[in-house]
PDB file of N, CA and C in Angstrom:
ATOM      1  N   MET A   1      12.962 -34.615  10.217  1.00  0.00           N
ATOM      2  CA  MET A   1      13.250 -33.828  11.106  1.00  0.00           C
ATOM      3  C   MET A   1      13.647 -32.132  10.610  1.00  0.00           C
ATOM      4  N   LYS A   2      15.055 -32.703   9.385  1.00  0.00           N
ATOM      5  CA  LYS A   2      15.440 -31.705   8.956  1.00  0.00           C
ATOM      6  C   LYS A   2      14.764 -30.977   8.001  1.00  0.00           C
ATOM      7  N   ASP A   3      13.968 -31.541   7.389  1.00  0.00           N
ATOM      8  CA  ASP A   3      12.711 -31.314   6.460  1.00  0.00           C
ATOM      9  C   ASP A   3      11.806 -30.047   7.502  1.00  0.00           C
ATOM     10  N   THR A   4      11.413 -30.792   8.457  1.00  0.00           N
ATOM     11  CA  THR A   4      10.330 -29.885   9.102  1.00  0.00           C
ATOM     12  C   THR A   4      11.085 -28.510   9.776  1.00  0.00           C
ATOM     13  N   ALA A   5      12.318 -28.313   9.977  1.00  0.00           N
ATOM     14  CA  ALA A   5      13.182 -27.407  10.667  1.00  0.00           C
ATOM     15  C   ALA A   5      13.333 -26.377   9.432  1.00  0.00           C
ATOM     16  N   LEU A   6      13.435 -26.842   8.082  1.00  0.00           N
ATOM     17  CA  LEU A   6      13.944 -25.892   6.889  1.00  0.00           C
ATOM     18  C   LEU A   6      12.542 -25.483   6.893  1.00  0.00           C
ATOM     19  N   ALA A   7      11.236 -26.368   6.821  1.00  0.00           N
ATOM     20  CA  ALA A   7      10.005 -25.545   6.396  1.00  0.00           C
ATOM     21  C   ALA A   7       9.206 -24.601   7.342  1.00  0.00           C
ATOM     22  N   LEU A   8       9.736 -24.763   8.962  1.00  0.00           N
ATOM     23  CA  LEU A   8       9.298 -23.571   9.506  1.00  0.00           C
ATOM     24  C   LEU A   8      10.504 -22.567   9.987  1.00  0.00           C
ATOM     25  N   ASN A   9      11.477 -22.761   9.318  1.00  0.00           N
ATOM     26  CA  ASN A   9      12.720 -21.217   9.181  1.00  0.00           C
ATOM     27  C   ASN A   9      12.080 -20.471   8.049  1.00  0.00           C
ATOM     28  N   PRO A  10      11.950 -19.311   8.371  1.00  0.00           N
ATOM     29  CA  PRO A  10      11.367 -18.038   7.645  1.00  0.00           C
ATOM     30  C   PRO A  10      12.791 -17.841   6.435  1.00  0.00           C
ATOM     31  N   PHE A  11      13.864 -18.046   6.855  1.00  0.00           N
ATOM     32  CA  PHE A  11      15.155 -17.523   6.288  1.00  0.00           C
ATOM     33  C   PHE A  11      15.486 -18.817   5.318  1.00  0.00           C
ATOM     34  N   SER A  12      14.933 -19.862   5.475  1.00  0.00           N
ATOM     35  CA  SER A  12      15.276 -20.840   4.468  1.00  0.00           C
ATOM     36  C   SER A  12      14.780 -20.976   3.751  1.00  0.00           C
ATOM     37  N   LEU A  13      13.174 -20.259   3.764  1.00  0.00           N
ATOM     38  CA  LEU A  13      12.191 -20.565   2.954  1.00  0.00           C
ATOM     39  C   LEU A  13      12.297 -19.392   1.629  1.00  0.00           C
ATOM     40  N   MET A  14      13.049 -18.367   2.185  1.00  0.00           N
ATOM     41  CA  MET A  14      13.489 -17.194   1.638  1.00  0.00           C
ATOM     42  C   MET A  14      14.368 -17.661   0.315  1.00  0.00           C
ATOM     43  N   MET A  15      15.447 -18.510   0.616  1.00  0.00           N
ATOM     44  CA  MET A  15      16.186 -18.786  -0.361  1.00  0.00           C
ATOM     45  C   MET A  15      15.591 -19.852  -1.328  1.00  0.00           C
ATOM     46  N   GLU A  16      14.534 -20.910  -1.113  1.00  0.00           N
ATOM     47  CA  GLU A  16      14.278 -21.929  -1.848  1.00  0.00           C
ATOM     48  C   GLU A  16      12.497 -21.718  -1.945  1.00  0.00           C
ATOM     49  N   PRO A  17      12.514 -20.777  -3.126  1.00  0.00           N
ATOM     50  CA  PRO A  17      11.001 -20.947  -3.538  1.00  0.00           C
ATOM     51  C   PRO A  17      10.279 -22.110  -3.824  1.00  0.00           C
ATOM     52  N   GLU A  18      10.416 -23.099  -4.315  1.00  0.00           N
ATOM     53  CA  GLU A  18       9.985 -24.257  -4.212  1.00  0.00           C
ATOM     54  C   GLU A  18       9.758 -25.152  -2.925  1.00  0.00           C
ATOM     55  N   LEU A  19      10.422 -24.994  -1.880  1.00  0.00           N
ATOM     56  CA  LEU A  19       9.976 -25.149  -0.641  1.00  0.00           C
ATOM     57  C   LEU A  19       8.731 -24.120  -0.085  1.00  0.00           C
ATOM     58  N   VAL A  20       8.664 -23.351  -0.502  1.00  0.00           N
ATOM     59  CA  VAL A  20       7.761 -22.264  -0.147  1.00  0.00           C
ATOM     60  C   VAL A  20       6.407 -22.845  -0.726  1.00  0.00           C
ATOM     61  N   LEU A  21       6.343 -22.911  -2.033  1.00  0.00           N
ATOM     62  CA  LEU A  21       5.187 -23.493  -2.455  1.00  0.00           C
ATOM     63  C   LEU A  21       4.527 -24.934  -2.244  1.00  0.00           C
ATOM     64  N   GLN A  22       5.721 -26.069  -1.847  1.00  0.00           N
ATOM     65  CA  GLN A  22       5.458 -26.949  -1.045  1.00  0.00           C
ATOM     66  C   GLN A  22       4.671 -26.981   0.443  1.00  0.00           C
ATOM     67  N   THR A  23       5.562 -26.361   0.725  1.00  0.00           N
ATOM     68  CA  THR A  23       4.883 -25.658   2.178  1.00  0.00           C
ATOM     69  C   THR A  23       3.375 -25.035   2.011  1.00  0.00           C
ATOM     70  N   MET A  24       3.428 -24.279   1.152  1.00  0.00           N
ATOM     71  CA  MET A  24       1.440 -23.609   1.002  1.00  0.00           C
ATOM     72  C   MET A  24       0.662 -24.678   0.639  1.00  0.00           C
ATOM     73  N   GLU A  25       1.199 -25.345  -0.348  1.00  0.00           N
ATOM     74  CA  GLU A  25       0.253 -26.612  -0.688  1.00  0.00           C
ATOM     75  C   GLU A  25      -0.282 -27.533   0.495  1.00  0.00           C
ATOM     76  N   ARG A  26       0.711 -27.842   1.373  1.00  0.00           N
ATOM     77  CA  ARG A  26       0.681 -28.704   2.338  1.00  0.00           C
ATOM     78  C   ARG A  26      -0.152 -28.202   3.522  1.00  0.00           C
ATOM     79  N   SER A  27      -0.210 -26.841   3.724  1.00  0.00           N
ATOM     80  CA  SER A  27      -0.983 -26.140   4.719  1.00  0.00           C
ATOM     81  C   SER A  27      -2.364 -26.271   5.181  1.00  0.00           C
ATOM     82  N   GLN A  28      -3.048 -26.965   5.981  1.00  0.00           N
ATOM     83  CA  GLN A  28      -4.239 -27.058   6.139  1.00  0.00           C
ATOM     84  C   GLN A  28      -4.887 -25.539   6.402  1.00  0.00           C
ATOM     85  N   GLN A  29      -4.285 -24.830   6.953  1.00  0.00           N
ATOM     86  CA  GLN A  29      -4.710 -23.294   7.452  1.00  0.00           C
ATOM     87  C   GLN A  29      -4.708 -22.277   6.074  1.00  0.00           C
ATOM     88  N   LEU A  30      -4.114 -22.728   5.096  1.00  0.00           N
ATOM     89  CA  LEU A  30      -4.369 -21.694   4.207  1.00  0.00           C
ATOM     90  C   LEU A  30      -5.276 -22.607   3.449  1.00  0.00           C
ATOM     91  N   ARG A  31      -5.735 -23.777   3.400  1.00  0.00           N
ATOM     92  CA  ARG A  31      -6.628 -24.500   2.334  1.00  0.00           C
ATOM     93  C   ARG A  31      -8.154 -24.064   2.943  1.00  0.00           C
ATOM     94  N   GLY A  32      -7.741 -23.785   4.502  1.00  0.00           N
ATOM     95  CA  GLY A  32      -9.106 -23.471   5.198  1.00  0.00           C
ATOM     96  C   GLY A  32      -9.938 -22.124   4.901  1.00  0.00           C
ATOM     97  N   LEU A  33      -8.864 -21.091   4.199  1.00  0.00           N
ATOM     98  CA  LEU A  33      -9.352 -19.929   4.296  1.00  0.00           C
ATOM     99  C   LEU A  33     -10.021 -19.679   2.819  1.00  0.00           C
ATOM    100  N   ARG A  34     -11.380 -18.766   2.929  1.00  0.00           N
ATOM    101  CA  ARG A  34     -12.120 -18.477   2.286  1.00  0.00           C
ATOM    102  C   ARG A  34     -11.602 -17.409   1.057  1.00  0.00           C
ATOM    103  N   ARG A  35     -11.967 -17.995  -0.056  1.00  0.00           N
ATOM    104  CA  ARG A  35     -11.257 -16.986  -1.155  1.00  0.00           C
ATOM    105  C   ARG A  35     -12.339 -16.381  -1.954  1.00  0.00           C
ATOM    106  N   ARG A  36     -11.886 -14.748  -2.168  1.00  0.00           N
ATOM    107  CA  ARG A  36     -12.658 -13.775  -2.921  1.00  0.00           C
ATOM    108  C   ARG A  36     -11.639 -13.064  -3.390  1.00  0.00           C
ATOM    109  N   LYS A  37     -12.589 -12.984  -5.015  1.00  0.00           N
ATOM    110  CA  LYS A  37     -11.862 -11.943  -5.589  1.00  0.00           C
ATOM    111  C   LYS A  37     -12.121 -10.670  -5.771  1.00  0.00           C
ATOM    112  N   LEU A  38     -11.299  -9.950  -5.175  1.00  0.00           N
ATOM    113  CA  LEU A  38     -11.821  -8.248  -5.099  1.00  0.00           C
ATOM    114  C   LEU A  38     -11.029  -7.378  -6.530  1.00  0.00           C
ATOM    115  N   ARG A  39     -11.653  -6.647  -7.059  1.00  0.00           N
ATOM    116  CA  ARG A  39     -11.021  -5.789  -7.902  1.00  0.00           C
ATOM    117  C   ARG A  39     -11.648  -4.223  -7.518  1.00  0.00           C
ATOM    118  N   PRO A  40     -10.455  -3.233  -8.353  1.00  0.00           N
ATOM    119  CA  PRO A  40     -11.082  -2.080  -7.878  1.00  0.00           C
ATOM    120  C   PRO A  40     -12.389  -1.665  -8.270  1.00  0.00           C
ATOM    121  N   LEU A  41     -12.878  -2.346  -9.595  1.00  0.00           N
ATOM    122  CA  LEU A  41     -14.170  -1.380  -9.897  1.00  0.00           C
ATOM    123  C   LEU A  41     -15.397  -2.044  -9.388  1.00  0.00           C
ATOM    124  N   ASP A  42     -15.035  -3.103  -8.322  1.00  0.00           N
ATOM    125  CA  ASP A  42     -16.172  -3.794  -7.721  1.00  0.00           C
ATOM    126  C   ASP A  42     -16.736  -2.750  -6.574  1.00  0.00           C
ATOM    127  N   LYS A  43     -15.779  -1.671  -6.253  1.00  0.00           N
ATOM    128  CA  LYS A  43     -16.260  -0.744  -5.329  1.00  0.00           C
ATOM    129  C   LYS A  43     -16.946   0.608  -5.989  1.00  0.00           C
ATOM    130  N   PRO A  44     -17.789   0.831  -5.114  1.00  0.00           N
ATOM    131  CA  PRO A  44     -18.745   2.270  -5.871  1.00  0.00           C
ATOM    132  C   PRO A  44     -17.933   3.457  -5.791  1.00  0.00           C
ATOM    133  N   LEU A  45     -17.970   4.116  -6.730  1.00  0.00           N
ATOM    134  CA  LEU A  45     -17.489   5.173  -6.863  1.00  0.00           C
ATOM    135  C   LEU A  45     -17.762   6.234  -5.899  1.00  0.00           C
ATOM    136  N   ILE A  46     -17.272   7.355  -4.958  1.00  0.00           N
ATOM    137  CA  ILE A  46     -18.014   8.292  -4.505  1.00  0.00           C
ATOM    138  C   ILE A  46     -18.008   9.607  -4.985  1.00  0.00           C
ATOM    139  N   PRO A  47     -18.951  10.346  -5.439  1.00  0.00           N
ATOM    140  CA  PRO A  47     -18.661  11.692  -6.324  1.00  0.00           C
ATOM    141  C   PRO A  47     -18.578  12.557  -5.324  1.00  0.00           C
ATOM    142  N   TYR A  48     -18.002  13.533  -5.989  1.00  0.00           N
ATOM    143  CA  TYR A  48     -17.326  14.607  -5.367  1.00  0.00           C
ATOM    144  C   TYR A  48     -18.632  15.589  -5.456  1.00  0.00           C
ATOM    145  N   THR A  49     -18.617  16.564  -4.199  1.00  0.00           N
ATOM    146  CA  THR A  49     -19.691  17.558  -4.303  1.00  0.00           C
ATOM    147  C   THR A  49     -19.157  18.766  -4.895  1.00  0.00           C
ATOM    148  N   GLN A  50     -19.843  19.486  -5.029  1.00  0.00           N
ATOM    149  CA  GLN A  50     -19.478  20.850  -6.298  1.00  0.00           C
ATOM    150  C   GLN A  50     -18.640  21.559  -4.664  1.00  0.00           C
ATOM    151  N   GLU A  51     -19.209  21.710  -3.553  1.00  0.00           N
ATOM    152  CA  GLU A  51     -18.338  22.221  -2.550  1.00  0.00           C
ATOM    153  C   GLU A  51     -17.082  21.819  -2.064  1.00  0.00           C
ATOM    154  N   ALA A  52     -17.110  20.550  -2.316  1.00  0.00           N
ATOM    155  CA  ALA A  52     -15.458  19.865  -2.140  1.00  0.00           C
ATOM    156  C   ALA A  52     -14.472  20.091  -3.167  1.00  0.00           C
ATOM    157  N   LEU A  53     -14.965  20.050  -4.546  1.00  0.00           N
ATOM    158  CA  LEU A  53     -14.283  20.342  -5.657  1.00  0.00           C
ATOM    159  C   LEU A  53     -14.035  21.634  -5.778  1.00  0.00           C
ATOM    160  N   ALA A  54     -14.636  22.759  -5.388  1.00  0.00           N
ATOM    161  CA  ALA A  54     -14.457  24.593  -4.925  1.00  0.00           C
ATOM    162  C   ALA A  54     -13.304  24.521  -3.835  1.00  0.00           C
ATOM    163  N   ALA A  55     -13.701  23.844  -3.011  1.00  0.00           N
ATOM    164  CA  ALA A  55     -12.505  23.767  -1.879  1.00  0.00           C
ATOM    165  C   ALA A  55     -11.201  23.291  -2.329  1.00  0.00           C
ATOM    166  N   ARG A  56     -10.939  22.230  -3.056  1.00  0.00           N
ATOM    167  CA  ARG A  56      -9.739  21.790  -3.792  1.00  0.00           C
ATOM    168  C   ARG A  56      -9.214  22.763  -4.588  1.00  0.00           C
ATOM    169  N   ALA A  57      -9.778  23.383  -5.743  1.00  0.00           N
ATOM    170  CA  ALA A  57      -9.506  23.959  -6.395  1.00  0.00           C
ATOM    171  C   ALA A  57      -9.063  25.451  -5.794  1.00  0.00           C
ATOM    172  N   ALA A  58      -9.682  25.870  -4.738  1.00  0.00           N
ATOM    173  CA  ALA A  58      -8.904  27.266  -4.010  1.00  0.00           C
ATOM    174  C   ALA A  58      -7.924  26.952  -3.124  1.00  0.00           C
ATOM    175  N   TYR A  59      -7.659  25.495  -2.320  1.00  0.00           N
ATOM    176  CA  TYR A  59      -6.406  25.111  -1.930  1.00  0.00           C
ATOM    177  C   TYR A  59      -5.351  25.315  -2.937  1.00  0.00           C
ATOM    178  N   ASP A  60      -5.571  24.421  -4.427  1.00  0.00           N
ATOM    179  CA  ASP A  60      -4.486  24.081  -5.074  1.00  0.00           C
ATOM    180  C   ASP A  60      -4.303  25.767  -5.531  1.00  0.00           C
ATOM    181  N   ALA A  61      -5.161  26.854  -5.913  1.00  0.00           N
ATOM    182  CA  ALA A  61      -4.750  28.222  -6.366  1.00  0.00           C
ATOM    183  C   ALA A  61      -3.608  28.711  -5.212  1.00  0.00           C
ATOM    184  N   ALA A  62      -4.333  28.594  -3.926  1.00  0.00           N
ATOM    185  CA  ALA A  62      -3.722  29.280  -2.684  1.00  0.00           C
ATOM    186  C   ALA A  62      -1.866  28.701  -2.840  1.00  0.00           C
ATOM    187  N   ILE A  63      -1.766  27.494  -3.135  1.00  0.00           N
ATOM    188  CA  ILE A  63      -0.595  26.819  -3.299  1.00  0.00           C
ATOM    189  C   ILE A  63       0.426  27.537  -4.353  1.00  0.00           C
ATOM    190  N   ASP A  64      -0.561  27.385  -5.655  1.00  0.00           N
ATOM    191  CA  ASP A  64      -0.020  28.005  -6.466  1.00  0.00           C
ATOM    192  C   ASP A  64       0.507  29.473  -6.516  1.00  0.00           C
ATOM    193  N   ALA A  65       0.028  30.298  -5.529  1.00  0.00           N
ATOM    194  CA  ALA A  65      -0.074  31.635  -5.636  1.00  0.00           C
ATOM    195  C   ALA A  65       1.311  31.902  -4.625  1.00  0.00           C
ATOM    196  N   GLU A  66       1.568  31.025  -3.848  1.00  0.00           N
ATOM    197  CA  GLU A  66       2.429  31.469  -2.976  1.00  0.00           C
ATOM    198  C   GLU A  66       3.794  31.411  -3.279  1.00  0.00           C
ATOM    199  N   ASP A  67       4.871  32.141  -2.720  1.00  0.00           N
ATOM    200  CA  ASP A  67       6.087  32.407  -3.324  1.00  0.00           C
ATOM    201  C   ASP A  67       6.827  31.387  -2.132  1.00  0.00           C
ATOM    202  N   PHE A  68       7.241  30.408  -2.975  1.00  0.00           N
ATOM    203  CA  PHE A  68       8.005  29.557  -2.016  1.00  0.00           C
ATOM    204  C   PHE A  68       9.815  30.117  -1.669  1.00  0.00           C
ATOM    205  N   GLU A  69      10.319  30.494  -2.849  1.00  0.00           N
ATOM    206  CA  GLU A  69      11.849  31.323  -2.940  1.00  0.00           C
ATOM    207  C   GLU A  69      11.586  32.499  -1.893  1.00  0.00           C
ATOM    208  N   ALA A  70      10.420  33.302  -2.176  1.00  0.00           N
ATOM    209  CA  ALA A  70      10.727  34.384  -1.009  1.00  0.00           C
ATOM    210  C   ALA A  70      10.412  34.086   0.701  1.00  0.00           C
ATOM    211  N   ASN A  71       9.555  33.193   0.786  1.00  0.00           N
ATOM    212  CA  ASN A  71       9.693  32.563   2.216  1.00  0.00           C
ATOM    213  C   ASN A  71      10.875  31.774   2.917  1.00  0.00           C
ATOM    214  N   ALA A  72      11.602  30.995   1.736  1.00  0.00           N
ATOM    215  CA  ALA A  72      12.602  30.633   1.985  1.00  0.00           C
ATOM    216  C   ALA A  72      14.018  31.492   2.519  1.00  0.00           C
ATOM    217  N   ASN A  73      13.681  32.873   1.500  1.00  0.00           N
ATOM    218  CA  ASN A  73      15.021  33.397   1.902  1.00  0.00           C
ATOM    219  C   ASN A  73      14.722  34.552   2.879  1.00  0.00           C
ATOM    220  N   ASN A  74      13.427  34.721   3.617  1.00  0.00           N
ATOM    221  CA  ASN A  74      13.295  34.958   4.513  1.00  0.00           C
ATOM    222  C   ASN A  74      13.206  34.424   5.982  1.00  0.00           C
ATOM    223  N   TYR A  75      12.908  32.965   5.457  1.00  0.00           N
ATOM    224  CA  TYR A  75      13.615  32.189   6.818  1.00  0.00           C
ATOM    225  C   TYR A  75      14.621  32.040   6.886  1.00  0.00           C
ATOM    226  N   LEU A  76      15.738  31.920   5.703  1.00  0.00           N
ATOM    227  CA  LEU A  76      17.419  31.500   6.006  1.00  0.00           C
ATOM    228  C   LEU A  76      17.687  33.107   6.345  1.00  0.00           C
ATOM    229  N   LEU A  77      17.403  34.145   6.357  1.00  0.00           N
ATOM    230  CA  LEU A  77      17.920  35.155   6.425  1.00  0.00           C
ATOM    231  C   LEU A  77      17.468  35.830   8.158  1.00  0.00           C
ATOM    232  N   ASN A  78      16.740  35.190   8.455  1.00  0.00           N
ATOM    233  CA  ASN A  78      16.347  35.249   9.754  1.00  0.00           C
ATOM    234  C   ASN A  78      17.097  34.530  11.123  1.00  0.00           C
TER     235      ASN A  78
END
């Protein structure tokens, strides 16, 4: 009874990693899961269009050209 209570208490499981591993090994639900290994390179790369790259470059240029200090001073003085 005490072992069952410890196995079901998530706080006691955090303090005893060995008990977590034993509980995972006994779990029928975990054993029933399908296993797949996914790797980042398994996903196809989506190429950027020239239009998207140009829009990104224009946005970056607008941010770089903005004078944040002047805007901050105007905001604080008003």
